Amino acid sequence: MTESRRPWLRRAGRAILPDGRVLLWTVAEGRRGRRWRGSTRAANGLIDDLLLEVDAEGRFDRVELTTAVGQLTFHPEPDRQGAHGNVVLARGVLHLALTWSARHGLEVPGSPIADLALAVGSGLAVGEERVIPVARVSQNLVPTADETVIRRASERSWMIAGTRPVEIDSEDLPVMVAAQSWPLEQPAG
């Protein structure tokens, strides 16, 4: 008996965040995992632009983040024993290298997409709470080694660091206030 596979997920969305920023996002799913794109805007313009990839198991695989400070590219090695990348700034390039493991996640403060990927990729069972090693991206775009506490409250909800709730729907998409989402591609036909 063969198991039927649902079509690859391809969605786009918009949400108003609690601080008034507008989040625009897309997600495209494939054999290698999911690729998220997101940008946040305020009244005075673009704040950041994010590309975040997770592998087929939901673990962090790559980030590209652009802000007014510069551009960050960062990813774990294939063996997950280290992670590297760079930050491009107006004054030059800063090369990055961090210790990594299969348990590590990425934390980008202020990014609901990064929070969703961190929560879903944590592998926690419902009711479980764990300290997770993370690379936390600072305002200057430099990831540093740190830890955060994640608690899985239900099948579809988590709490990160006691203050950042993450909730997903049946397709593992973010549930946010004042949100809309649409198919990213037109249906065949």
N, C-alpha and C. Protein backbone atom coordinates (compact mmCIF):
# COMPACT_ATOMS: atom_id res chain seq x y z
N MET A 1 0.84 -1.18 0.00
CA MET A 1 0.00 0.00 0.00
C MET A 1 0.88 1.24 0.00
N THR A 2 0.62 2.18 -0.86
CA THR A 2 1.40 3.41 -0.90
C THR A 2 0.67 4.52 -0.18
N GLU A 3 1.43 5.32 0.47
CA GLU A 3 0.86 6.45 1.21
C GLU A 3 0.73 7.63 0.26
N SER A 4 -0.44 8.25 0.23
CA SER A 4 -0.60 9.42 -0.64
C SER A 4 0.02 10.63 0.04
N ARG A 5 0.68 11.43 -0.74
CA ARG A 5 1.36 12.62 -0.25
C ARG A 5 0.55 13.83 -0.67
N ARG A 6 0.33 14.75 0.25
CA ARG A 6 -0.36 15.97 -0.11
C ARG A 6 0.56 16.80 -1.02
N PRO A 7 0.01 17.69 -1.82
CA PRO A 7 0.84 18.54 -2.68
C PRO A 7 1.79 19.41 -1.83
N TRP A 8 2.91 19.78 -2.42
CA TRP A 8 3.84 20.67 -1.72
C TRP A 8 3.12 21.96 -1.34
N LEU A 9 3.38 22.43 -0.15
CA LEU A 9 2.76 23.65 0.36
C LEU A 9 3.43 24.88 -0.27
N ARG A 10 2.62 25.77 -0.78
CA ARG A 10 3.09 27.03 -1.35
C ARG A 10 2.05 28.10 -0.97
N ARG A 11 2.40 28.94 0.02
CA ARG A 11 1.45 29.94 0.53
C ARG A 11 2.16 31.28 0.70
N ALA A 12 1.37 32.33 0.77
CA ALA A 12 1.83 33.68 1.06
C ALA A 12 0.89 34.26 2.11
N GLY A 13 1.38 35.23 2.86
CA GLY A 13 0.52 35.82 3.88
C GLY A 13 0.95 37.21 4.30
N ARG A 14 0.08 37.80 5.11
CA ARG A 14 0.29 39.14 5.64
C ARG A 14 -0.29 39.17 7.05
N ALA A 15 0.41 39.83 7.96
CA ALA A 15 -0.10 39.97 9.33
C ALA A 15 0.37 41.29 9.91
N ILE A 16 -0.42 41.81 10.81
CA ILE A 16 -0.03 42.98 11.61
C ILE A 16 0.51 42.43 12.93
N LEU A 17 1.76 42.75 13.24
CA LEU A 17 2.39 42.26 14.46
C LEU A 17 1.98 43.13 15.65
N PRO A 18 2.12 42.62 16.88
CA PRO A 18 1.67 43.38 18.06
C PRO A 18 2.26 44.79 18.16
N ASP A 19 3.48 44.99 17.64
CA ASP A 19 4.10 46.32 17.72
C ASP A 19 3.72 47.21 16.54
N GLY A 20 2.81 46.75 15.67
CA GLY A 20 2.35 47.55 14.54
C GLY A 20 3.08 47.30 13.23
N ARG A 21 4.18 46.56 13.27
CA ARG A 21 4.88 46.23 12.02
C ARG A 21 4.00 45.34 11.17
N VAL A 22 4.19 45.41 9.86
CA VAL A 22 3.48 44.55 8.92
C VAL A 22 4.46 43.47 8.46
N LEU A 23 4.03 42.22 8.57
CA LEU A 23 4.84 41.09 8.12
C LEU A 23 4.23 40.55 6.84
N LEU A 24 5.03 40.47 5.78
CA LEU A 24 4.66 39.78 4.55
C LEU A 24 5.52 38.52 4.49
N TRP A 25 4.92 37.37 4.13
CA TRP A 25 5.70 36.13 4.14
C TRP A 25 5.25 35.21 3.02
N THR A 26 6.18 34.30 2.65
CA THR A 26 5.86 33.20 1.75
C THR A 26 6.53 31.96 2.30
N VAL A 27 5.99 30.80 1.93
CA VAL A 27 6.63 29.53 2.25
C VAL A 27 6.48 28.63 1.03
N ALA A 28 7.57 27.96 0.70
CA ALA A 28 7.57 27.00 -0.41
C ALA A 28 8.21 25.72 0.12
N GLU A 29 7.50 24.62 -0.03
CA GLU A 29 7.92 23.33 0.49
C GLU A 29 8.42 22.45 -0.65
N GLY A 30 9.43 21.65 -0.37
CA GLY A 30 9.96 20.72 -1.37
C GLY A 30 10.64 19.54 -0.69
N ARG A 31 11.30 18.72 -1.46
CA ARG A 31 11.97 17.52 -0.91
C ARG A 31 12.98 17.85 0.18
N ARG A 32 13.65 18.97 0.05
CA ARG A 32 14.69 19.33 1.01
C ARG A 32 14.16 20.06 2.24
N GLY A 33 12.87 20.40 2.26
CA GLY A 33 12.30 21.09 3.42
C GLY A 33 11.45 22.26 3.02
N ARG A 34 11.49 23.32 3.85
CA ARG A 34 10.70 24.52 3.59
C ARG A 34 11.61 25.74 3.50
N ARG A 35 11.24 26.61 2.57
CA ARG A 35 11.94 27.89 2.43
C ARG A 35 10.94 28.99 2.76
N TRP A 36 11.25 29.75 3.82
CA TRP A 36 10.43 30.87 4.25
C TRP A 36 11.07 32.16 3.77
N ARG A 37 10.24 33.09 3.31
CA ARG A 37 10.67 34.46 3.03
C ARG A 37 9.78 35.35 3.87
N GLY A 38 10.36 36.39 4.42
CA GLY A 38 9.56 37.31 5.19
C GLY A 38 10.18 38.69 5.19
N SER A 39 9.34 39.70 5.20
CA SER A 39 9.84 41.06 5.36
C SER A 39 8.91 41.78 6.33
N THR A 40 9.52 42.61 7.15
CA THR A 40 8.73 43.42 8.06
C THR A 40 8.91 44.88 7.67
N ARG A 41 7.79 45.59 7.78
CA ARG A 41 7.76 47.00 7.41
C ARG A 41 7.10 47.79 8.53
N ALA A 42 7.54 49.02 8.66
CA ALA A 42 6.90 49.98 9.57
C ALA A 42 6.47 51.17 8.71
N ALA A 43 5.88 52.17 9.32
CA ALA A 43 5.40 53.33 8.57
C ALA A 43 6.52 54.00 7.79
N ASN A 44 7.75 53.94 8.31
CA ASN A 44 8.87 54.60 7.64
C ASN A 44 9.61 53.69 6.65
N GLY A 45 9.09 52.49 6.37
CA GLY A 45 9.70 51.66 5.34
C GLY A 45 10.12 50.28 5.82
N LEU A 46 10.91 49.62 4.99
CA LEU A 46 11.36 48.25 5.23
C LEU A 46 12.29 48.18 6.44
N ILE A 47 12.04 47.22 7.32
CA ILE A 47 12.89 47.01 8.49
C ILE A 47 13.88 45.89 8.22
N ASP A 48 13.36 44.76 7.73
CA ASP A 48 14.25 43.64 7.44
C ASP A 48 13.66 42.75 6.36
N ASP A 49 14.53 41.94 5.78
CA ASP A 49 14.14 40.96 4.78
C ASP A 49 14.85 39.66 5.15
N LEU A 50 14.09 38.58 5.25
CA LEU A 50 14.58 37.31 5.77
C LEU A 50 14.33 36.18 4.78
N LEU A 51 15.32 35.33 4.60
CA LEU A 51 15.14 34.04 3.94
C LEU A 51 15.61 33.01 4.96
N LEU A 52 14.75 32.05 5.29
CA LEU A 52 15.08 31.04 6.29
C LEU A 52 14.68 29.68 5.74
N GLU A 53 15.63 28.76 5.71
CA GLU A 53 15.36 27.41 5.22
C GLU A 53 15.48 26.42 6.36
N VAL A 54 14.54 25.46 6.37
CA VAL A 54 14.60 24.34 7.30
C VAL A 54 14.63 23.06 6.48
N ASP A 55 15.33 22.04 7.00
CA ASP A 55 15.44 20.78 6.25
C ASP A 55 14.16 19.95 6.39
N ALA A 56 14.16 18.80 5.78
CA ALA A 56 12.96 17.95 5.78
C ALA A 56 12.53 17.52 7.18
N GLU A 57 13.46 17.53 8.15
CA GLU A 57 13.12 17.20 9.54
C GLU A 57 12.70 18.43 10.33
N GLY A 58 12.69 19.60 9.70
CA GLY A 58 12.27 20.83 10.36
C GLY A 58 13.39 21.58 11.07
N ARG A 59 14.65 21.11 10.91
CA ARG A 59 15.78 21.77 11.58
C ARG A 59 16.29 22.94 10.74
N PHE A 60 16.78 23.97 11.42
CA PHE A 60 17.36 25.13 10.75
C PHE A 60 18.46 24.68 9.79
N ASP A 61 18.43 25.25 8.57
CA ASP A 61 19.41 24.88 7.55
C ASP A 61 20.14 26.07 6.93
N ARG A 62 19.52 27.25 6.90
CA ARG A 62 20.17 28.41 6.31
C ARG A 62 19.35 29.66 6.61
N VAL A 63 20.07 30.78 6.82
CA VAL A 63 19.41 32.07 6.96
C VAL A 63 20.17 33.11 6.16
N GLU A 64 19.41 33.99 5.54
CA GLU A 64 19.93 35.22 4.94
C GLU A 64 19.04 36.33 5.48
N LEU A 65 19.65 37.32 6.11
CA LEU A 65 18.90 38.40 6.73
C LEU A 65 19.53 39.72 6.34
N THR A 66 18.72 40.63 5.82
CA THR A 66 19.18 41.96 5.45
C THR A 66 18.43 42.99 6.27
N THR A 67 19.19 43.90 6.88
CA THR A 67 18.63 45.02 7.63
C THR A 67 19.42 46.27 7.22
N ALA A 68 19.11 47.39 7.84
CA ALA A 68 19.86 48.62 7.57
C ALA A 68 21.34 48.46 7.97
N VAL A 69 21.64 47.54 8.87
CA VAL A 69 23.01 47.31 9.33
C VAL A 69 23.86 46.62 8.26
N GLY A 70 23.27 45.64 7.56
CA GLY A 70 24.03 44.88 6.57
C GLY A 70 23.31 43.61 6.16
N GLN A 71 24.10 42.64 5.71
CA GLN A 71 23.56 41.37 5.24
C GLN A 71 24.24 40.20 5.95
N LEU A 72 23.43 39.30 6.50
CA LEU A 72 23.92 38.10 7.18
C LEU A 72 23.59 36.88 6.32
N THR A 73 24.58 36.00 6.17
CA THR A 73 24.38 34.67 5.61
C THR A 73 24.98 33.70 6.62
N PHE A 74 24.23 32.64 7.00
CA PHE A 74 24.70 31.74 8.05
C PHE A 74 24.03 30.38 7.89
N HIS A 75 24.80 29.30 8.06
CA HIS A 75 24.23 27.95 7.96
C HIS A 75 25.14 26.92 8.63
N PRO A 76 24.53 25.81 9.09
CA PRO A 76 25.35 24.74 9.67
C PRO A 76 26.05 23.96 8.58
N GLU A 77 27.16 23.33 8.97
CA GLU A 77 27.87 22.41 8.07
C GLU A 77 27.00 21.18 7.84
N PRO A 78 27.21 20.45 6.74
CA PRO A 78 26.41 19.24 6.50
C PRO A 78 26.45 18.22 7.65
N ASP A 79 27.59 18.11 8.35
CA ASP A 79 27.69 17.16 9.46
C ASP A 79 27.16 17.74 10.78
N ARG A 80 26.73 18.99 10.74
CA ARG A 80 26.16 19.70 11.90
C ARG A 80 27.14 19.80 13.09
N GLN A 81 28.43 19.78 12.81
CA GLN A 81 29.43 19.94 13.86
C GLN A 81 29.91 21.37 13.98
N GLY A 82 29.50 22.21 13.08
CA GLY A 82 29.87 23.62 13.10
C GLY A 82 28.91 24.39 12.22
N ALA A 83 28.96 25.71 12.32
CA ALA A 83 28.15 26.57 11.45
C ALA A 83 29.02 27.76 11.08
N HIS A 84 28.80 28.26 9.88
CA HIS A 84 29.59 29.41 9.46
C HIS A 84 28.79 30.32 8.54
N GLY A 85 29.38 31.45 8.24
CA GLY A 85 28.75 32.41 7.36
C GLY A 85 29.52 33.71 7.40
N ASN A 86 28.81 34.80 7.07
CA ASN A 86 29.44 36.10 7.10
C ASN A 86 28.39 37.18 7.25
N VAL A 87 28.88 38.34 7.70
CA VAL A 87 28.06 39.54 7.76
C VAL A 87 28.76 40.57 6.88
N VAL A 88 28.05 41.10 5.90
CA VAL A 88 28.59 42.14 5.04
C VAL A 88 28.10 43.48 5.57
N LEU A 89 29.05 44.31 5.93
CA LEU A 89 28.78 45.63 6.50
C LEU A 89 29.37 46.70 5.58
N ALA A 90 29.03 47.94 5.79
CA ALA A 90 29.58 49.03 4.98
C ALA A 90 31.10 49.08 5.08
N ARG A 91 31.66 48.65 6.20
CA ARG A 91 33.11 48.72 6.41
C ARG A 91 33.85 47.44 6.00
N GLY A 92 33.13 46.40 5.56
CA GLY A 92 33.79 45.17 5.13
C GLY A 92 33.00 43.94 5.52
N VAL A 93 33.69 42.81 5.52
CA VAL A 93 33.06 41.51 5.80
C VAL A 93 33.58 40.96 7.12
N LEU A 94 32.65 40.47 7.93
CA LEU A 94 32.98 39.78 9.17
C LEU A 94 32.69 38.30 8.95
N HIS A 95 33.71 37.44 9.05
CA HIS A 95 33.52 36.00 8.86
C HIS A 95 33.09 35.37 10.18
N LEU A 96 32.17 34.42 10.09
CA LEU A 96 31.57 33.81 11.27
C LEU A 96 31.85 32.32 11.33
N ALA A 97 32.07 31.80 12.51
CA ALA A 97 32.17 30.36 12.74
C ALA A 97 31.73 30.08 14.17
N LEU A 98 30.78 29.13 14.33
CA LEU A 98 30.29 28.76 15.65
C LEU A 98 30.25 27.24 15.77
N THR A 99 30.37 26.76 17.00
CA THR A 99 30.15 25.35 17.28
C THR A 99 28.67 25.07 17.05
N TRP A 100 28.35 23.88 16.57
CA TRP A 100 26.97 23.54 16.24
C TRP A 100 26.71 22.09 16.58
N SER A 101 25.46 21.71 16.68
CA SER A 101 25.07 20.32 16.87
C SER A 101 23.69 20.12 16.25
N ALA A 102 23.24 18.90 16.18
CA ALA A 102 21.91 18.60 15.64
C ALA A 102 20.81 19.19 16.53
N ARG A 103 21.11 19.51 17.79
CA ARG A 103 20.11 20.07 18.71
C ARG A 103 19.96 21.58 18.57
N HIS A 104 20.91 22.23 17.91
CA HIS A 104 20.91 23.69 17.82
C HIS A 104 19.75 24.23 16.98
N GLY A 105 19.38 25.46 17.30
CA GLY A 105 18.40 26.20 16.52
C GLY A 105 18.90 27.62 16.31
N LEU A 106 18.13 28.37 15.56
CA LEU A 106 18.46 29.76 15.28
C LEU A 106 17.41 30.65 15.91
N GLU A 107 17.85 31.72 16.55
CA GLU A 107 16.94 32.67 17.18
C GLU A 107 17.20 34.05 16.58
N VAL A 108 16.16 34.62 15.99
CA VAL A 108 16.22 35.98 15.44
C VAL A 108 15.17 36.79 16.18
N PRO A 109 15.57 37.51 17.24
CA PRO A 109 14.60 38.27 18.01
C PRO A 109 13.75 39.17 17.13
N GLY A 110 12.44 39.15 17.36
CA GLY A 110 11.51 39.98 16.61
C GLY A 110 10.99 39.34 15.33
N SER A 111 11.43 38.11 15.01
CA SER A 111 10.99 37.46 13.78
C SER A 111 10.02 36.32 14.08
N PRO A 112 8.74 36.49 13.78
CA PRO A 112 7.78 35.40 14.00
C PRO A 112 8.10 34.17 13.15
N ILE A 113 8.67 34.35 11.98
CA ILE A 113 9.02 33.21 11.13
C ILE A 113 10.14 32.41 11.77
N ALA A 114 11.17 33.09 12.26
CA ALA A 114 12.27 32.39 12.93
C ALA A 114 11.77 31.71 14.20
N ASP A 115 10.87 32.35 14.94
CA ASP A 115 10.30 31.73 16.14
C ASP A 115 9.53 30.46 15.78
N LEU A 116 8.74 30.51 14.70
CA LEU A 116 7.99 29.34 14.27
C LEU A 116 8.95 28.19 13.92
N ALA A 117 10.00 28.48 13.15
CA ALA A 117 10.96 27.45 12.77
C ALA A 117 11.68 26.88 14.00
N LEU A 118 12.03 27.73 14.94
CA LEU A 118 12.70 27.28 16.16
C LEU A 118 11.79 26.37 16.97
N ALA A 119 10.53 26.75 17.12
CA ALA A 119 9.58 25.95 17.91
C ALA A 119 9.31 24.61 17.24
N VAL A 120 8.92 24.64 15.97
CA VAL A 120 8.58 23.40 15.27
C VAL A 120 9.80 22.48 15.17
N GLY A 121 10.97 23.05 14.95
CA GLY A 121 12.20 22.25 14.83
C GLY A 121 12.76 21.74 16.14
N SER A 122 12.18 22.15 17.27
CA SER A 122 12.72 21.75 18.58
C SER A 122 12.52 20.27 18.88
N GLY A 123 11.53 19.65 18.22
CA GLY A 123 11.28 18.23 18.45
C GLY A 123 10.67 17.90 19.79
N LEU A 124 10.10 18.87 20.48
CA LEU A 124 9.53 18.64 21.80
C LEU A 124 8.19 17.91 21.72
N ALA A 125 7.94 17.07 22.69
CA ALA A 125 6.63 16.43 22.85
C ALA A 125 5.71 17.39 23.59
N VAL A 126 4.42 17.23 23.44
CA VAL A 126 3.45 18.07 24.14
C VAL A 126 3.71 17.96 25.64
N GLY A 127 3.78 19.12 26.31
CA GLY A 127 4.04 19.18 27.74
C GLY A 127 5.52 19.24 28.09
N GLU A 128 6.40 19.03 27.14
CA GLU A 128 7.84 19.03 27.40
C GLU A 128 8.40 20.45 27.35
N GLU A 129 9.38 20.69 28.20
CA GLU A 129 10.11 21.96 28.22
C GLU A 129 11.59 21.62 28.20
N ARG A 130 12.35 22.38 27.41
CA ARG A 130 13.77 22.07 27.29
C ARG A 130 14.57 23.34 27.02
N VAL A 131 15.80 23.36 27.52
CA VAL A 131 16.74 24.41 27.16
C VAL A 131 17.39 23.99 25.84
N ILE A 132 17.30 24.85 24.84
CA ILE A 132 17.80 24.56 23.50
C ILE A 132 19.01 25.45 23.22
N PRO A 133 20.12 24.88 22.76
CA PRO A 133 21.23 25.74 22.34
C PRO A 133 20.85 26.45 21.04
N VAL A 134 21.15 27.74 20.96
CA VAL A 134 20.80 28.53 19.79
C VAL A 134 21.96 29.42 19.37
N ALA A 135 21.92 29.81 18.11
CA ALA A 135 22.71 30.94 17.63
C ALA A 135 21.73 32.10 17.60
N ARG A 136 21.96 33.07 18.47
CA ARG A 136 21.04 34.23 18.55
C ARG A 136 21.62 35.36 17.73
N VAL A 137 20.84 35.83 16.77
CA VAL A 137 21.28 36.92 15.89
C VAL A 137 21.03 38.24 16.59
N SER A 138 22.10 39.01 16.78
CA SER A 138 21.98 40.30 17.47
C SER A 138 21.58 41.40 16.48
N GLN A 139 21.35 42.60 16.99
CA GLN A 139 20.98 43.73 16.13
C GLN A 139 22.09 44.07 15.14
N ASN A 140 23.34 43.72 15.49
CA ASN A 140 24.43 43.97 14.55
C ASN A 140 24.63 42.80 13.58
N LEU A 141 23.66 41.86 13.58
CA LEU A 141 23.60 40.70 12.67
C LEU A 141 24.60 39.60 12.97
N VAL A 142 25.30 39.69 14.09
CA VAL A 142 26.28 38.66 14.44
C VAL A 142 25.62 37.60 15.31
N PRO A 143 25.57 36.34 14.85
CA PRO A 143 25.03 35.27 15.69
C PRO A 143 26.03 34.91 16.79
N THR A 144 25.51 34.76 18.01
CA THR A 144 26.35 34.33 19.12
C THR A 144 25.72 33.11 19.78
N ALA A 145 26.55 32.28 20.38
CA ALA A 145 26.08 31.08 21.05
C ALA A 145 25.31 31.48 22.31
N ASP A 146 24.15 30.87 22.48
CA ASP A 146 23.32 31.15 23.65
C ASP A 146 22.38 29.97 23.86
N GLU A 147 21.42 30.12 24.76
CA GLU A 147 20.41 29.11 25.02
C GLU A 147 19.08 29.80 25.19
N THR A 148 18.01 29.07 24.91
CA THR A 148 16.67 29.58 25.18
C THR A 148 15.80 28.42 25.65
N VAL A 149 14.77 28.73 26.40
CA VAL A 149 13.86 27.71 26.91
C VAL A 149 12.63 27.67 26.00
N ILE A 150 12.28 26.46 25.57
CA ILE A 150 11.07 26.28 24.77
C ILE A 150 10.19 25.27 25.49
N ARG A 151 8.89 25.61 25.57
CA ARG A 151 7.91 24.70 26.15
C ARG A 151 6.83 24.45 25.10
N ARG A 152 6.50 23.19 24.91
CA ARG A 152 5.42 22.85 23.97
C ARG A 152 4.14 22.70 24.77
N ALA A 153 3.24 23.64 24.60
CA ALA A 153 2.01 23.68 25.38
C ALA A 153 0.94 22.74 24.84
N SER A 154 0.89 22.57 23.52
CA SER A 154 -0.11 21.70 22.91
C SER A 154 0.43 21.19 21.58
N GLU A 155 -0.39 20.45 20.87
CA GLU A 155 0.03 19.91 19.57
C GLU A 155 0.45 21.02 18.61
N ARG A 156 -0.16 22.20 18.75
CA ARG A 156 0.07 23.28 17.81
C ARG A 156 0.54 24.59 18.45
N SER A 157 1.03 24.53 19.69
CA SER A 157 1.49 25.78 20.31
C SER A 157 2.70 25.56 21.21
N TRP A 158 3.58 26.57 21.24
CA TRP A 158 4.81 26.57 22.02
C TRP A 158 4.96 27.93 22.67
N MET A 159 5.85 28.00 23.66
CA MET A 159 6.23 29.27 24.26
C MET A 159 7.76 29.31 24.26
N ILE A 160 8.32 30.37 23.70
CA ILE A 160 9.78 30.55 23.66
C ILE A 160 10.16 31.60 24.68
N ALA A 161 11.11 31.26 25.52
CA ALA A 161 11.66 32.17 26.54
C ALA A 161 10.58 32.75 27.45
N GLY A 162 9.46 32.05 27.59
CA GLY A 162 8.41 32.48 28.51
C GLY A 162 7.59 33.66 28.05
N THR A 163 7.93 34.26 26.90
CA THR A 163 7.23 35.48 26.48
C THR A 163 6.80 35.49 25.02
N ARG A 164 7.27 34.53 24.23
CA ARG A 164 6.98 34.57 22.79
C ARG A 164 6.17 33.34 22.39
N PRO A 165 4.83 33.50 22.31
CA PRO A 165 3.99 32.37 21.92
C PRO A 165 4.11 32.10 20.41
N VAL A 166 4.05 30.82 20.06
CA VAL A 166 4.04 30.40 18.66
C VAL A 166 2.86 29.46 18.51
N GLU A 167 2.00 29.74 17.53
CA GLU A 167 0.87 28.86 17.25
C GLU A 167 0.83 28.59 15.75
N ILE A 168 0.55 27.33 15.39
CA ILE A 168 0.48 26.96 13.98
C ILE A 168 -0.87 26.33 13.66
N ASP A 169 -1.23 26.37 12.38
CA ASP A 169 -2.46 25.74 11.96
C ASP A 169 -2.17 24.32 11.46
N SER A 170 -3.14 23.68 10.82
CA SER A 170 -2.98 22.29 10.40
C SER A 170 -1.94 22.08 9.29
N GLU A 171 -1.50 23.17 8.65
CA GLU A 171 -0.45 23.07 7.63
C GLU A 171 0.90 23.55 8.16
N ASP A 172 0.99 23.73 9.48
CA ASP A 172 2.20 24.25 10.13
C ASP A 172 2.50 25.69 9.71
N LEU A 173 1.46 26.46 9.43
CA LEU A 173 1.60 27.87 9.10
C LEU A 173 1.29 28.70 10.33
N PRO A 174 1.86 29.91 10.40
CA PRO A 174 1.66 30.74 11.60
C PRO A 174 0.22 31.20 11.76
N VAL A 175 -0.25 31.17 13.01
CA VAL A 175 -1.54 31.75 13.36
C VAL A 175 -1.21 33.08 14.02
N MET A 176 -1.67 34.17 13.40
CA MET A 176 -1.38 35.50 13.93
C MET A 176 -2.64 36.35 13.87
N VAL A 177 -2.67 37.39 14.68
CA VAL A 177 -3.79 38.33 14.70
C VAL A 177 -3.77 39.17 13.43
N ALA A 178 -4.94 39.52 12.93
CA ALA A 178 -5.08 40.36 11.74
C ALA A 178 -4.28 39.79 10.57
N ALA A 179 -4.41 38.48 10.36
CA ALA A 179 -3.62 37.80 9.33
C ALA A 179 -4.50 37.32 8.19
N GLN A 180 -3.90 37.25 7.02
CA GLN A 180 -4.53 36.68 5.84
C GLN A 180 -3.49 35.80 5.17
N SER A 181 -3.94 34.78 4.42
CA SER A 181 -3.00 34.03 3.59
C SER A 181 -3.67 33.58 2.32
N TRP A 182 -2.85 33.34 1.30
CA TRP A 182 -3.34 33.02 -0.03
C TRP A 182 -2.45 31.95 -0.66
N PRO A 183 -2.97 31.21 -1.65
CA PRO A 183 -2.11 30.29 -2.39
C PRO A 183 -1.02 31.09 -3.11
N LEU A 184 0.18 30.58 -3.11
CA LEU A 184 1.29 31.26 -3.77
C LEU A 184 1.26 31.01 -5.28
N GLU A 185 0.65 29.92 -5.68
CA GLU A 185 0.55 29.58 -7.10
C GLU A 185 -0.90 29.42 -7.49
N GLN A 186 -1.19 29.66 -8.76
CA GLN A 186 -2.55 29.46 -9.25
C GLN A 186 -2.79 27.98 -9.44
N PRO A 187 -3.99 27.51 -9.10
CA PRO A 187 -4.29 26.09 -9.30
C PRO A 187 -4.28 25.75 -10.81
N ALA A 188 -3.84 24.55 -11.10
CA ALA A 188 -3.83 24.08 -12.50
C ALA A 188 -5.26 23.97 -12.98
N GLY A 189 -5.46 24.21 -14.25
CA GLY A 189 -6.82 24.03 -14.74
C GLY A 189 -7.23 25.02 -15.69
